[in-house]
């Protein structure tokens, strides 16, 4: 059996590449430390944000339609940071950048130590950043194939 060891990249189709690039510059490059490059693929400009683990690529849409989290496709994208303090710091950074986001809040209905901040990108894609919870750490550290 082949084991998947991570997500390599996620593509997000956006209605306005410049507007979305500016938004993700604040979130991914500014607040979360991703690096950035740009390339053209199939004649379309792409913007890639990446860290040492994976990439998030923005590409222009070919149709105009608002994002619907309850239609087939992606409901939301959740990124993980190491600690609750980092979730809190990110919420402050998002607010300071003028991005409408929830406060960093405790959500014990999901897990006893679940903290998250929620916000949306310019196209209405739901984004979440949560802490590396104990249950996830245990799953990683105690995994038996």
N, C-alpha and C. Protein backbone atom coordinates (compact mmCIF):
# COMPACT_ATOMS: atom_id res chain seq x y z
N UNK A 1 0.85 -1.17 0.00
CA UNK A 1 0.00 0.00 0.00
C UNK A 1 0.90 1.24 0.00
N UNK A 2 0.51 2.22 -0.80
CA UNK A 2 1.23 3.49 -0.87
C UNK A 2 0.60 4.46 0.11
N UNK A 3 1.42 5.10 0.93
CA UNK A 3 0.93 6.06 1.91
C UNK A 3 1.10 7.48 1.39
N UNK A 4 0.04 8.26 1.47
CA UNK A 4 0.12 9.69 1.16
C UNK A 4 0.77 10.37 2.36
N UNK A 5 1.77 11.19 2.11
CA UNK A 5 2.50 11.83 3.21
C UNK A 5 2.19 13.31 3.36
N UNK A 6 1.32 13.84 2.51
CA UNK A 6 0.95 15.24 2.64
C UNK A 6 0.20 15.73 1.42
N UNK A 7 -0.28 16.94 1.51
CA UNK A 7 -0.88 17.61 0.37
C UNK A 7 0.22 18.37 -0.33
N UNK A 8 0.34 18.19 -1.63
CA UNK A 8 1.38 18.89 -2.39
C UNK A 8 0.95 20.31 -2.74
N UNK A 9 -0.26 20.45 -3.29
CA UNK A 9 -0.75 21.78 -3.64
C UNK A 9 -2.27 21.77 -3.76
N UNK A 10 -2.83 22.95 -3.62
CA UNK A 10 -4.26 23.18 -3.78
C UNK A 10 -4.40 24.34 -4.76
N UNK A 11 -5.25 24.17 -5.76
CA UNK A 11 -5.53 25.25 -6.71
C UNK A 11 -6.84 25.92 -6.33
N UNK A 12 -6.83 27.24 -6.28
CA UNK A 12 -8.04 28.03 -6.04
C UNK A 12 -8.31 28.86 -7.29
N UNK A 13 -9.49 28.70 -7.84
CA UNK A 13 -9.90 29.48 -9.00
C UNK A 13 -10.55 30.75 -8.50
N UNK A 14 -10.07 31.89 -8.98
CA UNK A 14 -10.51 33.19 -8.46
C UNK A 14 -11.08 34.06 -9.58
N UNK A 15 -12.03 34.92 -9.23
CA UNK A 15 -12.68 35.76 -10.24
C UNK A 15 -11.83 36.95 -10.66
N UNK A 16 -10.98 37.43 -9.78
CA UNK A 16 -10.12 38.59 -10.06
C UNK A 16 -8.74 38.29 -9.48
N UNK A 17 -7.82 37.90 -10.34
CA UNK A 17 -6.50 37.45 -9.87
C UNK A 17 -5.78 38.54 -9.08
N UNK A 18 -5.83 39.77 -9.54
CA UNK A 18 -5.12 40.85 -8.82
C UNK A 18 -5.71 41.07 -7.43
N UNK A 19 -7.03 41.10 -7.33
CA UNK A 19 -7.69 41.31 -6.03
C UNK A 19 -7.36 40.15 -5.08
N UNK A 20 -7.44 38.92 -5.59
CA UNK A 20 -7.15 37.77 -4.74
C UNK A 20 -5.68 37.70 -4.36
N UNK A 21 -4.81 38.05 -5.28
CA UNK A 21 -3.38 38.07 -4.96
C UNK A 21 -3.10 39.05 -3.82
N UNK A 22 -3.72 40.22 -3.86
CA UNK A 22 -3.52 41.20 -2.78
C UNK A 22 -4.03 40.66 -1.45
N UNK A 23 -5.18 40.00 -1.46
CA UNK A 23 -5.74 39.41 -0.24
C UNK A 23 -4.80 38.33 0.32
N UNK A 24 -4.39 37.39 -0.54
CA UNK A 24 -3.53 36.30 -0.08
C UNK A 24 -2.11 36.78 0.24
N UNK A 25 -1.70 37.92 -0.32
CA UNK A 25 -0.43 38.52 0.12
C UNK A 25 -0.49 38.82 1.61
N UNK A 26 -1.61 39.37 2.07
CA UNK A 26 -1.78 39.67 3.51
C UNK A 26 -1.84 38.39 4.33
N UNK A 27 -2.66 37.44 3.88
CA UNK A 27 -2.93 36.24 4.69
C UNK A 27 -1.77 35.26 4.63
N UNK A 28 -1.43 34.81 3.43
CA UNK A 28 -0.44 33.74 3.32
C UNK A 28 1.00 34.26 3.41
N UNK A 29 1.33 35.27 2.63
CA UNK A 29 2.71 35.76 2.64
C UNK A 29 2.98 36.59 3.90
N UNK A 30 2.07 37.50 4.22
CA UNK A 30 2.30 38.39 5.35
C UNK A 30 2.15 37.72 6.70
N UNK A 31 0.98 37.16 6.96
CA UNK A 31 0.69 36.63 8.29
C UNK A 31 1.19 35.21 8.52
N UNK A 32 1.26 34.40 7.46
CA UNK A 32 1.61 32.98 7.65
C UNK A 32 2.97 32.59 7.07
N UNK A 33 3.71 33.56 6.52
CA UNK A 33 5.09 33.31 6.13
C UNK A 33 5.30 32.51 4.85
N UNK A 34 4.28 32.40 4.00
CA UNK A 34 4.48 31.70 2.73
C UNK A 34 5.35 32.54 1.81
N UNK A 35 6.03 31.89 0.90
CA UNK A 35 6.76 32.56 -0.16
C UNK A 35 5.85 32.60 -1.39
N UNK A 36 6.29 33.31 -2.42
CA UNK A 36 5.41 33.52 -3.56
C UNK A 36 6.19 33.54 -4.86
N UNK A 37 5.57 33.00 -5.90
CA UNK A 37 6.09 33.16 -7.25
C UNK A 37 4.92 33.21 -8.21
N UNK A 38 5.22 33.49 -9.47
CA UNK A 38 4.18 33.57 -10.49
C UNK A 38 4.66 32.82 -11.71
N UNK A 39 3.70 32.26 -12.46
CA UNK A 39 4.04 31.54 -13.68
C UNK A 39 2.81 31.54 -14.59
N UNK A 40 3.02 31.17 -15.82
CA UNK A 40 1.94 31.05 -16.79
C UNK A 40 1.80 29.58 -17.16
N UNK A 41 0.57 29.11 -17.18
CA UNK A 41 0.30 27.72 -17.53
C UNK A 41 -0.91 27.71 -18.45
N UNK A 42 -0.77 27.12 -19.62
CA UNK A 42 -1.86 27.08 -20.57
C UNK A 42 -2.33 28.47 -21.00
N UNK A 43 -1.41 29.43 -20.98
CA UNK A 43 -1.73 30.79 -21.35
C UNK A 43 -2.34 31.62 -20.24
N UNK A 44 -2.59 31.01 -19.07
CA UNK A 44 -3.20 31.72 -17.95
C UNK A 44 -2.16 32.07 -16.89
N UNK A 45 -2.19 33.29 -16.37
CA UNK A 45 -1.28 33.64 -15.28
C UNK A 45 -1.70 32.91 -14.00
N UNK A 46 -0.73 32.48 -13.24
CA UNK A 46 -0.95 31.81 -11.95
C UNK A 46 -0.07 32.47 -10.91
N UNK A 47 -0.54 32.50 -9.67
CA UNK A 47 0.26 32.99 -8.54
C UNK A 47 0.31 31.87 -7.52
N UNK A 48 1.51 31.48 -7.13
CA UNK A 48 1.68 30.39 -6.17
C UNK A 48 2.24 30.93 -4.86
N UNK A 49 1.59 30.56 -3.77
CA UNK A 49 2.10 30.81 -2.43
C UNK A 49 2.52 29.44 -1.90
N UNK A 50 3.68 29.36 -1.30
CA UNK A 50 4.17 28.06 -0.86
C UNK A 50 5.01 28.20 0.40
N UNK A 51 4.98 27.14 1.19
CA UNK A 51 5.91 27.00 2.30
C UNK A 51 6.66 25.69 2.08
N UNK A 52 7.39 25.23 3.05
CA UNK A 52 8.19 24.03 2.81
C UNK A 52 7.35 22.76 2.74
N UNK A 53 6.05 22.85 3.05
CA UNK A 53 5.20 21.67 3.07
C UNK A 53 4.28 21.54 1.85
N UNK A 54 3.74 22.65 1.34
CA UNK A 54 2.79 22.58 0.23
C UNK A 54 2.58 23.96 -0.38
N UNK A 55 1.84 24.00 -1.47
CA UNK A 55 1.56 25.25 -2.15
C UNK A 55 0.07 25.49 -2.33
N UNK A 56 -0.29 26.75 -2.41
CA UNK A 56 -1.65 27.17 -2.75
C UNK A 56 -1.51 28.06 -3.97
N UNK A 57 -2.16 27.66 -5.06
CA UNK A 57 -2.02 28.34 -6.34
C UNK A 57 -3.33 29.03 -6.69
N UNK A 58 -3.22 30.29 -7.09
CA UNK A 58 -4.38 31.04 -7.58
C UNK A 58 -4.35 31.02 -9.10
N UNK A 59 -5.49 30.74 -9.70
CA UNK A 59 -5.61 30.78 -11.16
C UNK A 59 -6.90 31.49 -11.51
N UNK A 60 -6.95 32.18 -12.64
CA UNK A 60 -8.17 32.90 -13.01
C UNK A 60 -9.30 31.95 -13.41
N UNK A 61 -10.52 32.34 -13.05
CA UNK A 61 -11.68 31.54 -13.42
C UNK A 61 -12.02 31.79 -14.89
N UNK A 62 -12.77 30.87 -15.44
CA UNK A 62 -13.22 31.01 -16.82
C UNK A 62 -14.71 31.30 -16.89
N UNK A 63 -15.38 31.24 -15.77
CA UNK A 63 -16.81 31.59 -15.69
C UNK A 63 -17.00 32.51 -14.50
N UNK A 64 -18.02 33.34 -14.59
CA UNK A 64 -18.36 34.24 -13.48
C UNK A 64 -19.52 33.64 -12.72
N UNK A 65 -19.26 33.27 -11.47
CA UNK A 65 -20.28 32.68 -10.63
C UNK A 65 -19.80 32.79 -9.19
N UNK A 66 -20.67 33.22 -8.28
CA UNK A 66 -20.23 33.31 -6.88
C UNK A 66 -19.96 31.93 -6.28
N UNK A 67 -19.02 31.89 -5.35
CA UNK A 67 -18.72 30.63 -4.66
C UNK A 67 -19.91 30.21 -3.79
N UNK A 68 -20.24 28.95 -3.83
CA UNK A 68 -21.31 28.40 -3.00
C UNK A 68 -20.73 27.25 -2.20
N UNK A 69 -20.54 27.46 -0.91
CA UNK A 69 -19.92 26.45 -0.05
C UNK A 69 -20.76 25.18 0.05
N UNK A 70 -22.03 25.25 -0.33
CA UNK A 70 -22.89 24.08 -0.20
C UNK A 70 -23.21 23.42 -1.54
N UNK A 71 -22.56 23.89 -2.61
CA UNK A 71 -22.64 23.23 -3.91
C UNK A 71 -21.48 22.21 -3.97
N UNK A 72 -21.54 21.27 -4.89
CA UNK A 72 -20.39 20.35 -5.02
C UNK A 72 -19.11 21.14 -5.22
N UNK A 73 -18.07 20.71 -4.57
CA UNK A 73 -16.78 21.40 -4.62
C UNK A 73 -16.27 21.63 -3.21
N UNK A 74 -15.41 22.57 -3.07
CA UNK A 74 -14.79 22.83 -1.77
C UNK A 74 -15.73 23.62 -0.85
N UNK A 75 -15.90 23.12 0.36
CA UNK A 75 -16.68 23.84 1.37
C UNK A 75 -15.82 24.90 2.04
N UNK A 76 -14.67 24.48 2.57
CA UNK A 76 -13.74 25.44 3.16
C UNK A 76 -12.33 24.85 3.17
N UNK A 77 -11.37 25.72 3.36
CA UNK A 77 -9.97 25.33 3.45
C UNK A 77 -9.49 25.69 4.85
N UNK A 78 -9.00 24.69 5.56
CA UNK A 78 -8.51 24.91 6.92
C UNK A 78 -7.00 24.67 6.95
N UNK A 79 -6.27 25.66 7.44
CA UNK A 79 -4.84 25.55 7.62
C UNK A 79 -4.55 25.40 9.10
N UNK A 80 -3.43 24.77 9.41
CA UNK A 80 -3.07 24.52 10.81
C UNK A 80 -1.80 25.25 11.17
N UNK A 81 -1.82 25.90 12.33
CA UNK A 81 -0.62 26.47 12.93
C UNK A 81 -0.32 25.67 14.19
N UNK A 82 0.82 25.91 14.79
CA UNK A 82 1.26 25.06 15.88
C UNK A 82 0.51 25.26 17.19
N UNK A 83 0.10 26.50 17.49
CA UNK A 83 -0.40 26.76 18.84
C UNK A 83 -1.63 27.67 18.85
N UNK A 84 -2.30 27.68 19.98
CA UNK A 84 -3.42 28.59 20.20
C UNK A 84 -2.94 30.03 20.14
N UNK A 85 -1.78 30.32 20.69
CA UNK A 85 -1.24 31.68 20.63
C UNK A 85 -1.05 32.14 19.19
N UNK A 86 -0.66 31.23 18.30
CA UNK A 86 -0.50 31.59 16.89
C UNK A 86 -1.86 31.86 16.23
N UNK A 87 -2.90 31.14 16.62
CA UNK A 87 -4.25 31.42 16.12
C UNK A 87 -4.66 32.82 16.57
N UNK A 88 -4.43 33.14 17.83
CA UNK A 88 -4.76 34.47 18.35
C UNK A 88 -3.98 35.56 17.62
N UNK A 89 -2.69 35.34 17.40
CA UNK A 89 -1.85 36.33 16.71
C UNK A 89 -2.34 36.53 15.27
N UNK A 90 -2.71 35.46 14.61
CA UNK A 90 -3.21 35.57 13.25
C UNK A 90 -4.49 36.39 13.20
N UNK A 91 -5.41 36.15 14.11
CA UNK A 91 -6.66 36.92 14.15
C UNK A 91 -6.34 38.41 14.28
N UNK A 92 -5.40 38.75 15.14
CA UNK A 92 -5.01 40.16 15.30
C UNK A 92 -4.42 40.71 14.01
N UNK A 93 -3.57 39.93 13.33
CA UNK A 93 -2.96 40.37 12.08
C UNK A 93 -4.01 40.57 10.99
N UNK A 94 -4.97 39.68 10.91
CA UNK A 94 -6.03 39.82 9.90
C UNK A 94 -6.83 41.08 10.16
N UNK A 95 -7.22 41.30 11.41
CA UNK A 95 -7.97 42.51 11.76
C UNK A 95 -7.16 43.76 11.43
N UNK A 96 -5.87 43.76 11.75
CA UNK A 96 -5.01 44.91 11.50
C UNK A 96 -4.88 45.19 10.00
N UNK A 97 -4.97 44.14 9.18
CA UNK A 97 -4.89 44.31 7.72
C UNK A 97 -6.23 44.69 7.11
N UNK A 98 -7.26 44.84 7.96
CA UNK A 98 -8.58 45.21 7.45
C UNK A 98 -9.38 44.05 6.91
N UNK A 99 -8.97 42.83 7.23
CA UNK A 99 -9.68 41.64 6.76
C UNK A 99 -10.73 41.27 7.80
N UNK A 100 -11.97 41.14 7.36
CA UNK A 100 -13.06 40.78 8.26
C UNK A 100 -12.90 39.31 8.66
N UNK A 101 -12.65 39.08 9.92
CA UNK A 101 -12.40 37.74 10.44
C UNK A 101 -13.01 37.63 11.83
N UNK A 102 -13.30 36.40 12.22
CA UNK A 102 -13.77 36.19 13.59
C UNK A 102 -12.60 36.45 14.54
N UNK A 103 -12.92 36.59 15.80
CA UNK A 103 -11.86 36.56 16.79
C UNK A 103 -11.36 35.13 16.88
N UNK A 104 -10.19 34.93 17.43
CA UNK A 104 -9.73 33.58 17.74
C UNK A 104 -10.62 33.07 18.86
N UNK A 105 -11.31 31.97 18.61
CA UNK A 105 -12.29 31.47 19.57
C UNK A 105 -12.09 29.99 19.85
N UNK A 106 -12.45 29.61 21.06
CA UNK A 106 -12.42 28.22 21.50
C UNK A 106 -13.70 27.54 21.02
N UNK A 107 -13.57 26.36 20.42
CA UNK A 107 -14.72 25.60 19.91
C UNK A 107 -14.68 24.19 20.49
N UNK A 108 -15.06 24.03 21.76
CA UNK A 108 -15.00 22.70 22.38
C UNK A 108 -15.96 21.70 21.75
N UNK A 109 -16.96 22.19 20.99
CA UNK A 109 -17.87 21.26 20.31
C UNK A 109 -17.15 20.46 19.22
N UNK A 110 -16.01 20.96 18.74
CA UNK A 110 -15.21 20.23 17.74
C UNK A 110 -14.17 19.33 18.41
N UNK A 111 -13.52 19.86 19.43
CA UNK A 111 -12.51 19.11 20.21
C UNK A 111 -12.22 19.95 21.45
N UNK A 112 -11.80 19.32 22.54
CA UNK A 112 -11.59 20.07 23.77
C UNK A 112 -10.60 21.23 23.64
N UNK A 113 -9.62 21.10 22.77
CA UNK A 113 -8.59 22.14 22.63
C UNK A 113 -8.61 22.80 21.25
N UNK A 114 -9.78 22.87 20.63
CA UNK A 114 -9.93 23.42 19.29
C UNK A 114 -10.13 24.93 19.33
N UNK A 115 -9.17 25.66 18.77
CA UNK A 115 -9.26 27.11 18.63
C UNK A 115 -9.15 27.43 17.15
N UNK A 116 -9.89 28.44 16.69
CA UNK A 116 -9.85 28.77 15.27
C UNK A 116 -10.23 30.22 15.03
N UNK A 117 -9.81 30.71 13.88
CA UNK A 117 -10.25 31.98 13.33
C UNK A 117 -10.84 31.67 11.96
N UNK A 118 -11.96 32.32 11.64
CA UNK A 118 -12.69 32.07 10.40
C UNK A 118 -12.78 33.37 9.60
N UNK A 119 -12.66 33.28 8.28
CA UNK A 119 -12.79 34.44 7.40
C UNK A 119 -13.03 33.94 5.98
N UNK A 120 -13.26 34.87 5.06
CA UNK A 120 -13.52 34.50 3.67
C UNK A 120 -12.59 35.27 2.75
N UNK A 121 -12.26 34.64 1.62
CA UNK A 121 -11.47 35.35 0.62
C UNK A 121 -12.39 36.22 -0.23
N UNK A 122 -11.86 37.00 -1.16
CA UNK A 122 -12.71 37.92 -1.93
C UNK A 122 -13.82 37.24 -2.73
N UNK A 123 -13.67 35.96 -3.04
CA UNK A 123 -14.71 35.24 -3.77
C UNK A 123 -15.68 34.51 -2.86
N UNK A 124 -15.52 34.65 -1.56
CA UNK A 124 -16.43 34.00 -0.62
C UNK A 124 -16.01 32.61 -0.19
N UNK A 125 -14.80 32.16 -0.57
CA UNK A 125 -14.31 30.87 -0.11
C UNK A 125 -14.05 30.97 1.38
N UNK A 126 -14.62 30.06 2.13
CA UNK A 126 -14.43 30.05 3.58
C UNK A 126 -13.03 29.54 3.91
N UNK A 127 -12.36 30.27 4.79
CA UNK A 127 -11.02 29.91 5.25
C UNK A 127 -11.04 29.80 6.76
N UNK A 128 -10.23 28.91 7.26
CA UNK A 128 -10.12 28.69 8.70
C UNK A 128 -8.66 28.42 9.01
N UNK A 129 -8.22 28.90 10.16
CA UNK A 129 -6.90 28.53 10.67
C UNK A 129 -7.12 28.03 12.09
N UNK A 130 -6.62 26.84 12.36
CA UNK A 130 -6.79 26.21 13.66
C UNK A 130 -5.43 25.81 14.22
N UNK A 131 -5.44 25.47 15.49
CA UNK A 131 -4.22 25.04 16.16
C UNK A 131 -4.00 23.53 15.97
N UNK A 132 -2.77 23.11 16.19
CA UNK A 132 -2.40 21.69 16.12
C UNK A 132 -2.86 21.04 17.42
N UNK A 133 -4.01 20.43 17.35
CA UNK A 133 -4.65 19.89 18.54
C UNK A 133 -4.00 18.59 19.00
N UNK A 134 -4.20 18.28 20.27
CA UNK A 134 -3.58 17.10 20.85
C UNK A 134 -4.01 15.82 20.14
N UNK A 135 -5.28 15.73 19.78
CA UNK A 135 -5.77 14.53 19.08
C UNK A 135 -5.01 14.34 17.77
N UNK A 136 -4.73 15.42 17.04
CA UNK A 136 -3.98 15.34 15.79
C UNK A 136 -2.51 14.98 16.06
N UNK A 137 -1.95 15.54 17.11
CA UNK A 137 -0.57 15.21 17.47
C UNK A 137 -0.45 13.74 17.82
N UNK A 138 -1.42 13.25 18.62
CA UNK A 138 -1.40 11.84 19.01
C UNK A 138 -1.56 10.94 17.78
N UNK A 139 -2.45 11.30 16.89
CA UNK A 139 -2.65 10.51 15.67
C UNK A 139 -1.35 10.42 14.89
N UNK A 140 -0.67 11.55 14.78
CA UNK A 140 0.60 11.58 14.04
C UNK A 140 1.66 10.74 14.75
N UNK A 141 1.82 10.96 16.04
CA UNK A 141 2.93 10.34 16.78
C UNK A 141 2.71 8.87 17.08
N UNK A 142 1.47 8.43 17.13
CA UNK A 142 1.17 7.04 17.51
C UNK A 142 0.63 6.20 16.36
N UNK A 143 0.78 6.71 15.14
CA UNK A 143 0.24 6.02 13.97
C UNK A 143 0.93 4.65 13.79
N UNK A 144 0.13 3.65 13.62
CA UNK A 144 0.64 2.31 13.33
C UNK A 144 0.05 1.90 11.99
N UNK A 145 0.93 1.64 11.03
CA UNK A 145 0.47 1.30 9.67
C UNK A 145 -0.21 -0.06 9.63
